[in-house]
Structure formats: C-alpha cells, structure tokens
PDB file of all heavy atoms in Angstrom:
ATOM      1  N   ASN A   1     123.299 105.544  90.557  1.00  0.00           N
ATOM      2  CA  ASN A   1     122.824 106.786  89.932  1.00  0.00           C
ATOM      3  C   ASN A   1     121.460 107.153  90.504  1.00  0.00           C
ATOM      4  O   ASN A   1     120.448 106.981  89.837  1.00  0.00           O
ATOM      5  CB  ASN A   1     122.717 106.603  88.414  1.00  0.00           C
ATOM      6  CG  ASN A   1     124.014 106.182  87.797  1.00  0.00           C
ATOM      7  OD1 ASN A   1     125.018 106.860  87.949  1.00  0.00           O
ATOM      8  ND2 ASN A   1     124.023 105.058  87.116  1.00  0.00           N
ATOM      9  N   PRO A   2     121.415 107.659  91.749  1.00  0.00           N
ATOM     10  CA  PRO A   2     120.114 107.959  92.343  1.00  0.00           C
ATOM     11  C   PRO A   2     119.365 109.085  91.631  1.00  0.00           C
ATOM     12  O   PRO A   2     118.162 109.164  91.723  1.00  0.00           O
ATOM     13  CB  PRO A   2     120.451 108.351  93.778  1.00  0.00           C
ATOM     14  CG  PRO A   2     121.892 108.696  93.770  1.00  0.00           C
ATOM     15  CD  PRO A   2     122.516 107.955  92.635  1.00  0.00           C
ATOM     16  N   ASN A   3     120.071 109.937  90.900  1.00  0.00           N
ATOM     17  CA  ASN A   3     119.438 111.030  90.160  1.00  0.00           C
ATOM     18  C   ASN A   3     119.781 110.890  88.680  1.00  0.00           C
ATOM     19  O   ASN A   3     120.662 111.577  88.177  1.00  0.00           O
ATOM     20  CB  ASN A   3     119.916 112.393  90.681  1.00  0.00           C
ATOM     21  CG  ASN A   3     119.547 112.611  92.123  1.00  0.00           C
ATOM     22  OD1 ASN A   3     118.463 112.246  92.540  1.00  0.00           O
ATOM     23  ND2 ASN A   3     120.461 113.173  92.889  1.00  0.00           N
ATOM     24  N   PRO A   4     119.080 110.003  87.952  1.00  0.00           N
ATOM     25  CA  PRO A   4     119.438 109.762  86.552  1.00  0.00           C
ATOM     26  C   PRO A   4     119.169 110.957  85.635  1.00  0.00           C
ATOM     27  O   PRO A   4     119.724 111.016  84.548  1.00  0.00           O
ATOM     28  CB  PRO A   4     118.565 108.569  86.161  1.00  0.00           C
ATOM     29  CG  PRO A   4     117.432 108.599  87.114  1.00  0.00           C
ATOM     30  CD  PRO A   4     117.945 109.213  88.375  1.00  0.00           C
ATOM     31  N   HIS A   5     118.346 111.917  86.088  1.00  0.00           N
ATOM     32  CA  HIS A   5     118.048 113.067  85.228  1.00  0.00           C
ATOM     33  C   HIS A   5     119.226 114.030  85.129  1.00  0.00           C
ATOM     34  O   HIS A   5     119.280 114.864  84.245  1.00  0.00           O
ATOM     35  CB  HIS A   5     116.800 113.802  85.731  1.00  0.00           C
ATOM     36  CG  HIS A   5     116.944 114.322  87.119  1.00  0.00           C
ATOM     37  ND1 HIS A   5     116.779 113.513  88.229  1.00  0.00           N
ATOM     38  CD2 HIS A   5     117.258 115.545  87.589  1.00  0.00           C
ATOM     39  CE1 HIS A   5     116.977 114.244  89.310  1.00  0.00           C
ATOM     40  NE2 HIS A   5     117.275 115.477  88.953  1.00  0.00           N
ATOM     41  N   ILE A   6     120.179 113.901  86.058  1.00  0.00           N
ATOM     42  CA  ILE A   6     121.367 114.756  86.002  1.00  0.00           C
ATOM     43  C   ILE A   6     122.414 114.037  85.158  1.00  0.00           C
ATOM     44  O   ILE A   6     122.937 113.016  85.554  1.00  0.00           O
ATOM     45  CB  ILE A   6     121.918 115.034  87.411  1.00  0.00           C
ATOM     46  CG1 ILE A   6     120.872 115.747  88.260  1.00  0.00           C
ATOM     47  CG2 ILE A   6     123.197 115.841  87.330  1.00  0.00           C
ATOM     48  CD1 ILE A   6     121.282 115.913  89.707  1.00  0.00           C
ATOM     49  N   ALA A   7     122.688 114.575  84.016  1.00  0.00           N
ATOM     50  CA  ALA A   7     123.670 113.951  83.124  1.00  0.00           C
ATOM     51  C   ALA A   7     124.848 114.885  82.952  1.00  0.00           C
ATOM     52  O   ALA A   7     124.693 116.087  82.777  1.00  0.00           O
ATOM     53  CB  ALA A   7     123.029 113.656  81.770  1.00  0.00           C
ATOM     54  N   PHE A   8     126.011 114.316  83.017  1.00  0.00           N
ATOM     55  CA  PHE A   8     127.222 115.106  82.836  1.00  0.00           C
ATOM     56  C   PHE A   8     127.759 114.862  81.435  1.00  0.00           C
ATOM     57  O   PHE A   8     127.911 113.728  81.012  1.00  0.00           O
ATOM     58  CB  PHE A   8     128.285 114.714  83.879  1.00  0.00           C
ATOM     59  CG  PHE A   8     127.845 115.000  85.273  1.00  0.00           C
ATOM     60  CD1 PHE A   8     127.353 113.995  86.088  1.00  0.00           C
ATOM     61  CD2 PHE A   8     127.919 116.276  85.788  1.00  0.00           C
ATOM     62  CE1 PHE A   8     126.941 114.257  87.374  1.00  0.00           C
ATOM     63  CE2 PHE A   8     127.510 116.556  87.074  1.00  0.00           C
ATOM     64  CZ  PHE A   8     127.019 115.547  87.876  1.00  0.00           C
ATOM     65  N   GLN A   9     128.050 115.945  80.741  1.00  0.00           N
ATOM     66  CA  GLN A   9     128.599 115.832  79.411  1.00  0.00           C
ATOM     67  C   GLN A   9     130.096 116.032  79.473  1.00  0.00           C
ATOM     68  O   GLN A   9     130.590 116.863  80.242  1.00  0.00           O
ATOM     69  CB  GLN A   9     127.981 116.864  78.477  1.00  0.00           C
ATOM     70  CG  GLN A   9     126.493 116.659  78.284  1.00  0.00           C
ATOM     71  CD  GLN A   9     125.921 117.739  77.390  1.00  0.00           C
ATOM     72  OE1 GLN A   9     126.602 118.677  77.016  1.00  0.00           O
ATOM     73  NE2 GLN A   9     124.667 117.583  77.034  1.00  0.00           N
ATOM     74  N   LYS A  10     130.801 115.291  78.642  1.00  0.00           N
ATOM     75  CA  LYS A  10     132.247 115.453  78.580  1.00  0.00           C
ATOM     76  C   LYS A  10     132.566 116.704  77.772  1.00  0.00           C
ATOM     77  O   LYS A  10     131.930 117.009  76.781  1.00  0.00           O
ATOM     78  CB  LYS A  10     132.895 114.241  77.917  1.00  0.00           C
ATOM     79  CG  LYS A  10     132.839 113.009  78.770  1.00  0.00           C
ATOM     80  CD  LYS A  10     133.620 111.896  78.126  1.00  0.00           C
ATOM     81  CE  LYS A  10     133.623 110.683  79.013  1.00  0.00           C
ATOM     82  NZ  LYS A  10     134.344 109.577  78.423  1.00  0.00           N
ATOM     83  N   VAL A  11     133.562 117.419  78.212  1.00  0.00           N
ATOM     84  CA  VAL A  11     134.001 118.614  77.508  1.00  0.00           C
ATOM     85  C   VAL A  11     134.984 118.162  76.434  1.00  0.00           C
ATOM     86  O   VAL A  11     135.962 117.484  76.740  1.00  0.00           O
ATOM     87  CB  VAL A  11     134.684 119.608  78.468  1.00  0.00           C
ATOM     88  CG1 VAL A  11     135.201 120.817  77.719  1.00  0.00           C
ATOM     89  CG2 VAL A  11     133.728 120.012  79.566  1.00  0.00           C
ATOM     90  N   PRO A  12     134.720 118.508  75.168  1.00  0.00           N
ATOM     91  CA  PRO A  12     135.626 118.055  74.116  1.00  0.00           C
ATOM     92  C   PRO A  12     136.990 118.744  74.221  1.00  0.00           C
ATOM     93  O   PRO A  12     137.083 119.876  74.701  1.00  0.00           O
ATOM     94  CB  PRO A  12     134.906 118.449  72.825  1.00  0.00           C
ATOM     95  CG  PRO A  12     133.975 119.537  73.229  1.00  0.00           C
ATOM     96  CD  PRO A  12     133.608 119.285  74.661  1.00  0.00           C
ATOM     97  N   ARG A  13     138.010 118.019  73.795  1.00  0.00           N
ATOM     98  CA  ARG A  13     139.357 118.594  73.775  1.00  0.00           C
ATOM     99  C   ARG A  13     139.421 119.661  72.700  1.00  0.00           C
ATOM    100  O   ARG A  13     138.781 119.553  71.651  1.00  0.00           O
ATOM    101  CB  ARG A  13     140.384 117.520  73.469  1.00  0.00           C
ATOM    102  CG  ARG A  13     140.389 116.428  74.529  1.00  0.00           C
ATOM    103  CD  ARG A  13     141.485 115.456  74.242  1.00  0.00           C
ATOM    104  NE  ARG A  13     142.483 115.717  75.276  1.00  0.00           N
ATOM    105  CZ  ARG A  13     143.714 115.357  75.228  1.00  0.00           C
ATOM    106  NH1 ARG A  13     144.179 114.722  74.181  1.00  0.00           N
ATOM    107  NH2 ARG A  13     144.538 115.621  76.214  1.00  0.00           N
ATOM    108  N   PRO A  14     140.208 120.705  72.923  1.00  0.00           N
ATOM    109  CA  PRO A  14     140.336 121.733  71.891  1.00  0.00           C
ATOM    110  C   PRO A  14     140.976 121.152  70.629  1.00  0.00           C
ATOM    111  O   PRO A  14     141.811 120.263  70.702  1.00  0.00           O
ATOM    112  CB  PRO A  14     141.254 122.780  72.521  1.00  0.00           C
ATOM    113  CG  PRO A  14     141.509 122.350  73.910  1.00  0.00           C
ATOM    114  CD  PRO A  14     140.974 120.981  74.107  1.00  0.00           C
ATOM    115  N   THR A  15     140.547 121.653  69.521  1.00  0.00           N
ATOM    116  CA  THR A  15     141.108 121.173  68.258  1.00  0.00           C
ATOM    117  C   THR A  15     142.540 121.680  68.096  1.00  0.00           C
ATOM    118  O   THR A  15     142.955 122.640  68.751  1.00  0.00           O
ATOM    119  CB  THR A  15     140.256 121.658  67.062  1.00  0.00           C
ATOM    120  OG1 THR A  15     140.218 123.078  67.103  1.00  0.00           O
ATOM    121  CG2 THR A  15     138.858 121.101  67.125  1.00  0.00           C
ATOM    122  N   GLU A  16     143.239 121.019  67.226  1.00  0.00           N
ATOM    123  CA  GLU A  16     144.637 121.386  66.998  1.00  0.00           C
ATOM    124  C   GLU A  16     144.706 122.793  66.412  1.00  0.00           C
ATOM    125  O   GLU A  16     143.977 123.139  65.496  1.00  0.00           O
ATOM    126  CB  GLU A  16     145.252 120.391  66.007  1.00  0.00           C
ATOM    127  CG  GLU A  16     146.747 120.291  66.131  1.00  0.00           C
ATOM    128  CD  GLU A  16     147.298 119.162  65.283  1.00  0.00           C
ATOM    129  OE1 GLU A  16     146.849 118.018  65.442  1.00  0.00           O
ATOM    130  OE2 GLU A  16     148.167 119.456  64.442  1.00  0.00           O
ATOM    131  N   GLY A  17     145.520 123.624  66.969  1.00  0.00           N
ATOM    132  CA  GLY A  17     145.696 124.988  66.486  1.00  0.00           C
ATOM    133  C   GLY A  17     144.641 125.952  66.976  1.00  0.00           C
ATOM    134  O   GLY A  17     144.588 127.102  66.518  1.00  0.00           O
ATOM    135  N   SER A  18     143.792 125.526  67.885  1.00  0.00           N
ATOM    136  CA  SER A  18     142.735 126.415  68.357  1.00  0.00           C
ATOM    137  C   SER A  18     143.296 127.623  69.107  1.00  0.00           C
ATOM    138  O   SER A  18     142.662 128.673  69.128  1.00  0.00           O
ATOM    139  CB  SER A  18     141.754 125.656  69.262  1.00  0.00           C
ATOM    140  OG  SER A  18     142.416 125.190  70.418  1.00  0.00           O
ATOM    141  N   HIS A  19     144.448 127.483  69.703  1.00  0.00           N
ATOM    142  CA  HIS A  19     145.028 128.594  70.444  1.00  0.00           C
ATOM    143  C   HIS A  19     145.496 129.725  69.516  1.00  0.00           C
ATOM    144  O   HIS A  19     145.767 130.828  69.956  1.00  0.00           O
ATOM    145  CB  HIS A  19     146.198 128.101  71.298  1.00  0.00           C
ATOM    146  CG  HIS A  19     147.335 127.553  70.491  1.00  0.00           C
ATOM    147  ND1 HIS A  19     147.282 126.301  69.899  1.00  0.00           N
ATOM    148  CD2 HIS A  19     148.526 128.094  70.167  1.00  0.00           C
ATOM    149  CE1 HIS A  19     148.416 126.082  69.246  1.00  0.00           C
ATOM    150  NE2 HIS A  19     149.194 127.161  69.402  1.00  0.00           N
ATOM    151  N   LEU A  20     145.567 129.449  68.214  1.00  0.00           N
ATOM    152  CA  LEU A  20     146.017 130.461  67.267  1.00  0.00           C
ATOM    153  C   LEU A  20     144.876 131.338  66.756  1.00  0.00           C
ATOM    154  O   LEU A  20     145.115 132.334  66.095  1.00  0.00           O
ATOM    155  CB  LEU A  20     146.723 129.797  66.084  1.00  0.00           C
ATOM    156  CG  LEU A  20     147.971 128.971  66.446  1.00  0.00           C
ATOM    157  CD1 LEU A  20     148.484 128.246  65.225  1.00  0.00           C
ATOM    158  CD2 LEU A  20     149.039 129.884  67.031  1.00  0.00           C
ATOM    159  N   ARG A  21     143.648 130.933  67.074  1.00  0.00           N
ATOM    160  CA  ARG A  21     142.509 131.684  66.579  1.00  0.00           C
ATOM    161  C   ARG A  21     142.375 132.999  67.328  1.00  0.00           C
ATOM    162  O   ARG A  21     142.405 133.031  68.556  1.00  0.00           O
ATOM    163  CB  ARG A  21     141.228 130.874  66.727  1.00  0.00           C
ATOM    164  CG  ARG A  21     141.254 129.622  65.890  1.00  0.00           C
ATOM    165  CD  ARG A  21     139.883 128.972  65.892  1.00  0.00           C
ATOM    166  NE  ARG A  21     140.032 127.637  65.330  1.00  0.00           N
ATOM    167  CZ  ARG A  21     139.586 126.528  65.900  1.00  0.00           C
ATOM    168  NH1 ARG A  21     138.946 126.580  67.039  1.00  0.00           N
ATOM    169  NH2 ARG A  21     139.788 125.373  65.328  1.00  0.00           N
ATOM    170  N   VAL A  22     142.184 134.068  66.597  1.00  0.00           N
ATOM    171  CA  VAL A  22     142.069 135.391  67.214  1.00  0.00           C
ATOM    172  C   VAL A  22     140.629 135.882  67.287  1.00  0.00           C
ATOM    173  O   VAL A  22     140.353 136.857  67.962  1.00  0.00           O
ATOM    174  CB  VAL A  22     142.931 136.439  66.465  1.00  0.00           C
ATOM    175  CG1 VAL A  22     144.400 136.160  66.684  1.00  0.00           C
ATOM    176  CG2 VAL A  22     142.562 136.499  65.015  1.00  0.00           C
ATOM    177  N   HIS A  23     139.732 135.196  66.603  1.00  0.00           N
ATOM    178  CA  HIS A  23     138.346 135.664  66.562  1.00  0.00           C
ATOM    179  C   HIS A  23     137.520 135.150  67.748  1.00  0.00           C
ATOM    180  O   HIS A  23     136.326 135.421  67.835  1.00  0.00           O
ATOM    181  CB  HIS A  23     137.683 135.250  65.245  1.00  0.00           C
ATOM    182  CG  HIS A  23     137.587 133.760  65.103  1.00  0.00           C
ATOM    183  ND1 HIS A  23     138.641 133.005  64.674  1.00  0.00           N
ATOM    184  CD2 HIS A  23     136.570 132.906  65.340  1.00  0.00           C
ATOM    185  CE1 HIS A  23     138.278 131.736  64.657  1.00  0.00           C
ATOM    186  NE2 HIS A  23     137.021 131.652  65.056  1.00  0.00           N
ATOM    187  N   ILE A  24     138.130 134.437  68.674  1.00  0.00           N
ATOM    188  CA  ILE A  24     137.403 133.913  69.829  1.00  0.00           C
ATOM    189  C   ILE A  24     137.198 135.047  70.825  1.00  0.00           C
ATOM    190  O   ILE A  24     138.135 135.740  71.196  1.00  0.00           O
ATOM    191  CB  ILE A  24     138.157 132.752  70.474  1.00  0.00           C
ATOM    192  CG1 ILE A  24     138.274 131.598  69.484  1.00  0.00           C
ATOM    193  CG2 ILE A  24     137.455 132.286  71.752  1.00  0.00           C
ATOM    194  CD1 ILE A  24     139.072 130.425  69.998  1.00  0.00           C
ATOM    195  N   LEU A  25     135.962 135.192  71.270  1.00  0.00           N
ATOM    196  CA  LEU A  25     135.618 136.222  72.240  1.00  0.00           C
ATOM    197  C   LEU A  25     136.124 135.814  73.624  1.00  0.00           C
ATOM    198  O   LEU A  25     136.175 134.633  73.952  1.00  0.00           O
ATOM    199  CB  LEU A  25     134.117 136.427  72.284  1.00  0.00           C
ATOM    200  CG  LEU A  25     133.467 136.885  70.972  1.00  0.00           C
ATOM    201  CD1 LEU A  25     131.960 136.872  71.113  1.00  0.00           C
ATOM    202  CD2 LEU A  25     133.961 138.282  70.615  1.00  0.00           C
ATOM    203  N   PRO A  26     136.488 136.777  74.432  1.00  0.00           N
ATOM    204  CA  PRO A  26     136.926 136.441  75.796  1.00  0.00           C
ATOM    205  C   PRO A  26     135.751 135.886  76.596  1.00  0.00           C
ATOM    206  O   PRO A  26     134.586 136.189  76.320  1.00  0.00           O
ATOM    207  CB  PRO A  26     137.416 137.768  76.363  1.00  0.00           C
ATOM    208  CG  PRO A  26     136.787 138.809  75.523  1.00  0.00           C
ATOM    209  CD  PRO A  26     136.546 138.206  74.169  1.00  0.00           C
ATOM    210  N   PHE A  27     136.073 135.088  77.603  1.00  0.00           N
ATOM    211  CA  PHE A  27     135.055 134.496  78.464  1.00  0.00           C
ATOM    212  C   PHE A  27     134.313 135.606  79.202  1.00  0.00           C
ATOM    213  O   PHE A  27     134.934 136.517  79.760  1.00  0.00           O
ATOM    214  CB  PHE A  27     135.727 133.542  79.467  1.00  0.00           C
ATOM    215  CG  PHE A  27     134.757 132.624  80.140  1.00  0.00           C
ATOM    216  CD1 PHE A  27     134.247 131.528  79.463  1.00  0.00           C
ATOM    217  CD2 PHE A  27     134.333 132.850  81.438  1.00  0.00           C
ATOM    218  CE1 PHE A  27     133.357 130.668  80.078  1.00  0.00           C
ATOM    219  CE2 PHE A  27     133.439 132.015  82.058  1.00  0.00           C
ATOM    220  CZ  PHE A  27     132.952 130.902  81.374  1.00  0.00           C
ATOM    221  N   PRO A  28     132.980 135.568  79.183  1.00  0.00           N
ATOM    222  CA  PRO A  28     132.220 136.658  79.824  1.00  0.00           C
ATOM    223  C   PRO A  28     132.384 136.643  81.350  1.00  0.00           C
ATOM    224  O   PRO A  28     132.670 135.622  81.938  1.00  0.00           O
ATOM    225  CB  PRO A  28     130.771 136.357  79.424  1.00  0.00           C
ATOM    226  CG  PRO A  28     130.751 134.906  79.132  1.00  0.00           C
ATOM    227  CD  PRO A  28     132.118 134.559  78.609  1.00  0.00           C
ATOM    228  N   ARG A  29     132.163 137.791  81.938  1.00  0.00           N
ATOM    229  CA  ARG A  29     132.226 137.916  83.400  1.00  0.00           C
ATOM    230  C   ARG A  29     131.041 137.175  84.013  1.00  0.00           C
ATOM    231  O   ARG A  29     129.940 137.157  83.459  1.00  0.00           O
ATOM    232  CB  ARG A  29     132.157 139.381  83.793  1.00  0.00           C
ATOM    233  CG  ARG A  29     133.438 140.122  83.511  1.00  0.00           C
ATOM    234  CD  ARG A  29     133.805 140.784  84.828  1.00  0.00           C
ATOM    235  NE  ARG A  29     135.035 141.486  84.847  1.00  0.00           N
ATOM    236  CZ  ARG A  29     136.145 140.984  85.346  1.00  0.00           C
ATOM    237  NH1 ARG A  29     136.184 139.752  85.764  1.00  0.00           N
ATOM    238  NH2 ARG A  29     137.223 141.705  85.420  1.00  0.00           N
ATOM    239  N   ILE A  30     131.296 136.581  85.157  1.00  0.00           N
ATOM    240  CA  ILE A  30     130.246 135.832  85.846  1.00  0.00           C
ATOM    241  C   ILE A  30     129.444 136.784  86.729  1.00  0.00           C
ATOM    242  O   ILE A  30     130.002 137.575  87.489  1.00  0.00           O
ATOM    243  CB  ILE A  30     130.859 134.702  86.699  1.00  0.00           C
ATOM    244  CG1 ILE A  30     131.559 133.695  85.779  1.00  0.00           C
ATOM    245  CG2 ILE A  30     129.823 134.027  87.558  1.00  0.00           C
ATOM    246  CD1 ILE A  30     132.267 132.594  86.513  1.00  0.00           C
ATOM    247  N   ASN A  31     128.127 136.677  86.611  1.00  0.00           N
ATOM    248  CA  ASN A  31     127.222 137.490  87.409  1.00  0.00           C
ATOM    249  C   ASN A  31     127.018 136.777  88.751  1.00  0.00           C
ATOM    250  O   ASN A  31     126.328 135.763  88.835  1.00  0.00           O
ATOM    251  CB  ASN A  31     125.894 137.643  86.676  1.00  0.00           C
ATOM    252  CG  ASN A  31     124.909 138.511  87.424  1.00  0.00           C
ATOM    253  OD1 ASN A  31     125.067 138.770  88.609  1.00  0.00           O
ATOM    254  ND2 ASN A  31     123.887 138.966  86.708  1.00  0.00           N
ATOM    255  N   GLU A  32     127.619 137.305  89.807  1.00  0.00           N
ATOM    256  CA  GLU A  32     127.582 136.655  91.119  1.00  0.00           C
ATOM    257  C   GLU A  32     126.154 136.517  91.651  1.00  0.00           C
ATOM    258  O   GLU A  32     125.811 135.521  92.284  1.00  0.00           O
ATOM    259  CB  GLU A  32     128.450 137.418  92.112  1.00  0.00           C
ATOM    260  CG  GLU A  32     129.925 137.304  91.824  1.00  0.00           C
ATOM    261  CD  GLU A  32     130.772 138.071  92.830  1.00  0.00           C
ATOM    262  OE1 GLU A  32     130.415 138.099  94.021  1.00  0.00           O
ATOM    263  OE2 GLU A  32     131.782 138.635  92.397  1.00  0.00           O
ATOM    264  N   GLY A  33     125.330 137.484  91.402  1.00  0.00           N
ATOM    265  CA  GLY A  33     123.941 137.422  91.866  1.00  0.00           C
ATOM    266  C   GLY A  33     123.188 136.270  91.223  1.00  0.00           C
ATOM    267  O   GLY A  33     122.444 135.551  91.892  1.00  0.00           O
ATOM    268  N   ARG A  34     123.399 136.105  89.904  1.00  0.00           N
ATOM    269  CA  ARG A  34     122.719 135.015  89.197  1.00  0.00           C
ATOM    270  C   ARG A  34     123.227 133.647  89.670  1.00  0.00           C
ATOM    271  O   ARG A  34     122.448 132.709  89.813  1.00  0.00           O
ATOM    272  CB  ARG A  34     122.945 135.182  87.672  1.00  0.00           C
ATOM    273  CG  ARG A  34     122.264 134.148  86.839  1.00  0.00           C
ATOM    274  CD  ARG A  34     120.745 134.246  86.921  1.00  0.00           C
ATOM    275  NE  ARG A  34     120.154 133.202  86.121  1.00  0.00           N
ATOM    276  CZ  ARG A  34     119.088 132.496  86.478  1.00  0.00           C
ATOM    277  NH1 ARG A  34     118.454 132.790  87.580  1.00  0.00           N
ATOM    278  NH2 ARG A  34     118.626 131.555  85.698  1.00  0.00           N
ATOM    279  N   VAL A  35     124.517 133.542  89.957  1.00  0.00           N
ATOM    280  CA  VAL A  35     125.086 132.292  90.472  1.00  0.00           C
ATOM    281  C   VAL A  35     124.444 131.933  91.793  1.00  0.00           C
ATOM    282  O   VAL A  35     124.046 130.784  92.026  1.00  0.00           O
ATOM    283  CB  VAL A  35     126.633 132.395  90.594  1.00  0.00           C
ATOM    284  CG1 VAL A  35     127.192 131.222  91.369  1.00  0.00           C
ATOM    285  CG2 VAL A  35     127.282 132.500  89.236  1.00  0.00           C
ATOM    286  N   GLN A  36     124.280 132.913  92.674  1.00  0.00           N
ATOM    287  CA  GLN A  36     123.650 132.674  93.972  1.00  0.00           C
ATOM    288  C   GLN A  36     122.197 132.237  93.810  1.00  0.00           C
ATOM    289  O   GLN A  36     121.716 131.355  94.516  1.00  0.00           O
ATOM    290  CB  GLN A  36     123.733 133.925  94.864  1.00  0.00           C
ATOM    291  CG  GLN A  36     125.115 134.208  95.390  1.00  0.00           C
ATOM    292  CD  GLN A  36     125.672 133.059  96.210  1.00  0.00           C
ATOM    293  OE1 GLN A  36     124.953 132.402  96.966  1.00  0.00           O
ATOM    294  NE2 GLN A  36     126.960 132.784  96.049  1.00  0.00           N
ATOM    295  N   GLU A  37     121.484 132.872  92.854  1.00  0.00           N
ATOM    296  CA  GLU A  37     120.089 132.485  92.588  1.00  0.00           C
ATOM    297  C   GLU A  37     120.017 131.027  92.147  1.00  0.00           C
ATOM    298  O   GLU A  37     119.170 130.262  92.622  1.00  0.00           O
ATOM    299  CB  GLU A  37     119.497 133.370  91.487  1.00  0.00           C
ATOM    300  CG  GLU A  37     119.164 134.778  91.904  1.00  0.00           C
ATOM    301  CD  GLU A  37     118.670 135.600  90.712  1.00  0.00           C
ATOM    302  OE1 GLU A  37     118.103 135.030  89.769  1.00  0.00           O
ATOM    303  OE2 GLU A  37     118.871 136.827  90.739  1.00  0.00           O
ATOM    304  N   LEU A  38     120.900 130.635  91.219  1.00  0.00           N
ATOM    305  CA  LEU A  38     120.901 129.260  90.719  1.00  0.00           C
ATOM    306  C   LEU A  38     121.240 128.256  91.834  1.00  0.00           C
ATOM    307  O   LEU A  38     120.628 127.189  91.922  1.00  0.00           O
ATOM    308  CB  LEU A  38     121.891 129.108  89.562  1.00  0.00           C
ATOM    309  CG  LEU A  38     121.506 129.830  88.266  1.00  0.00           C
ATOM    310  CD1 LEU A  38     122.643 129.779  87.265  1.00  0.00           C
ATOM    311  CD2 LEU A  38     120.246 129.205  87.665  1.00  0.00           C
ATOM    312  N   LEU A  39     122.199 128.619  92.674  1.00  0.00           N
ATOM    313  CA  LEU A  39     122.543 127.741  93.793  1.00  0.00           C
ATOM    314  C   LEU A  39     121.363 127.581  94.741  1.00  0.00           C
ATOM    315  O   LEU A  39     121.059 126.476  95.206  1.00  0.00           O
ATOM    316  CB  LEU A  39     123.760 128.289  94.549  1.00  0.00           C
ATOM    317  CG  LEU A  39     125.109 128.149  93.869  1.00  0.00           C
ATOM    318  CD1 LEU A  39     126.183 128.888  94.658  1.00  0.00           C
ATOM    319  CD2 LEU A  39     125.484 126.689  93.718  1.00  0.00           C
ATOM    320  N   GLN A  40     120.679 128.686  95.026  1.00  0.00           N
ATOM    321  CA  GLN A  40     119.530 128.626  95.929  1.00  0.00           C
ATOM    322  C   GLN A  40     118.401 127.790  95.330  1.00  0.00           C
ATOM    323  O   GLN A  40     117.765 127.012  96.030  1.00  0.00           O
ATOM    324  CB  GLN A  40     119.047 130.053  96.245  1.00  0.00           C
ATOM    325  CG  GLN A  40     118.125 130.130  97.430  1.00  0.00           C
ATOM    326  CD  GLN A  40     118.786 129.606  98.700  1.00  0.00           C
ATOM    327  OE1 GLN A  40     119.950 129.846  98.960  1.00  0.00           O
ATOM    328  NE2 GLN A  40     118.037 128.875  99.483  1.00  0.00           N
ATOM    329  N   GLU A  41     118.169 127.925  94.020  1.00  0.00           N
ATOM    330  CA  GLU A  41     117.152 127.109  93.339  1.00  0.00           C
ATOM    331  C   GLU A  41     117.490 125.628  93.453  1.00  0.00           C
ATOM    332  O   GLU A  41     116.626 124.801  93.717  1.00  0.00           O
ATOM    333  CB  GLU A  41     117.051 127.509  91.862  1.00  0.00           C
ATOM    334  CG  GLU A  41     116.312 128.774  91.591  1.00  0.00           C
ATOM    335  CD  GLU A  41     116.316 129.118  90.096  1.00  0.00           C
ATOM    336  OE1 GLU A  41     116.418 128.197  89.269  1.00  0.00           O
ATOM    337  OE2 GLU A  41     116.235 130.321  89.787  1.00  0.00           O
TER     338      GLU A  41
END
C-alpha cells in the first residue's frame, strides 16, 4: 500500500425491493469538463 491515504470504500448492495422505489432521482449527467479538471489535478 504505497499510498495509504487513498482508501477504497465498498459499495453496499441494494436493499431488497429497492428497484420498486419510484422516488429515486435519476443519475445526474456527468460534466465532462469537471471530469477532465479532476483528472488533471
């Protein structure tokens, strides 16, 4: 672990019946410019 400050978190499994929920907002659009800025940083 040469870079211990980088920690990866596990993504929790969806709860049972989560696909039936209608109040979940759609995934937002990705801002390509911001992604490029973060990659460059």
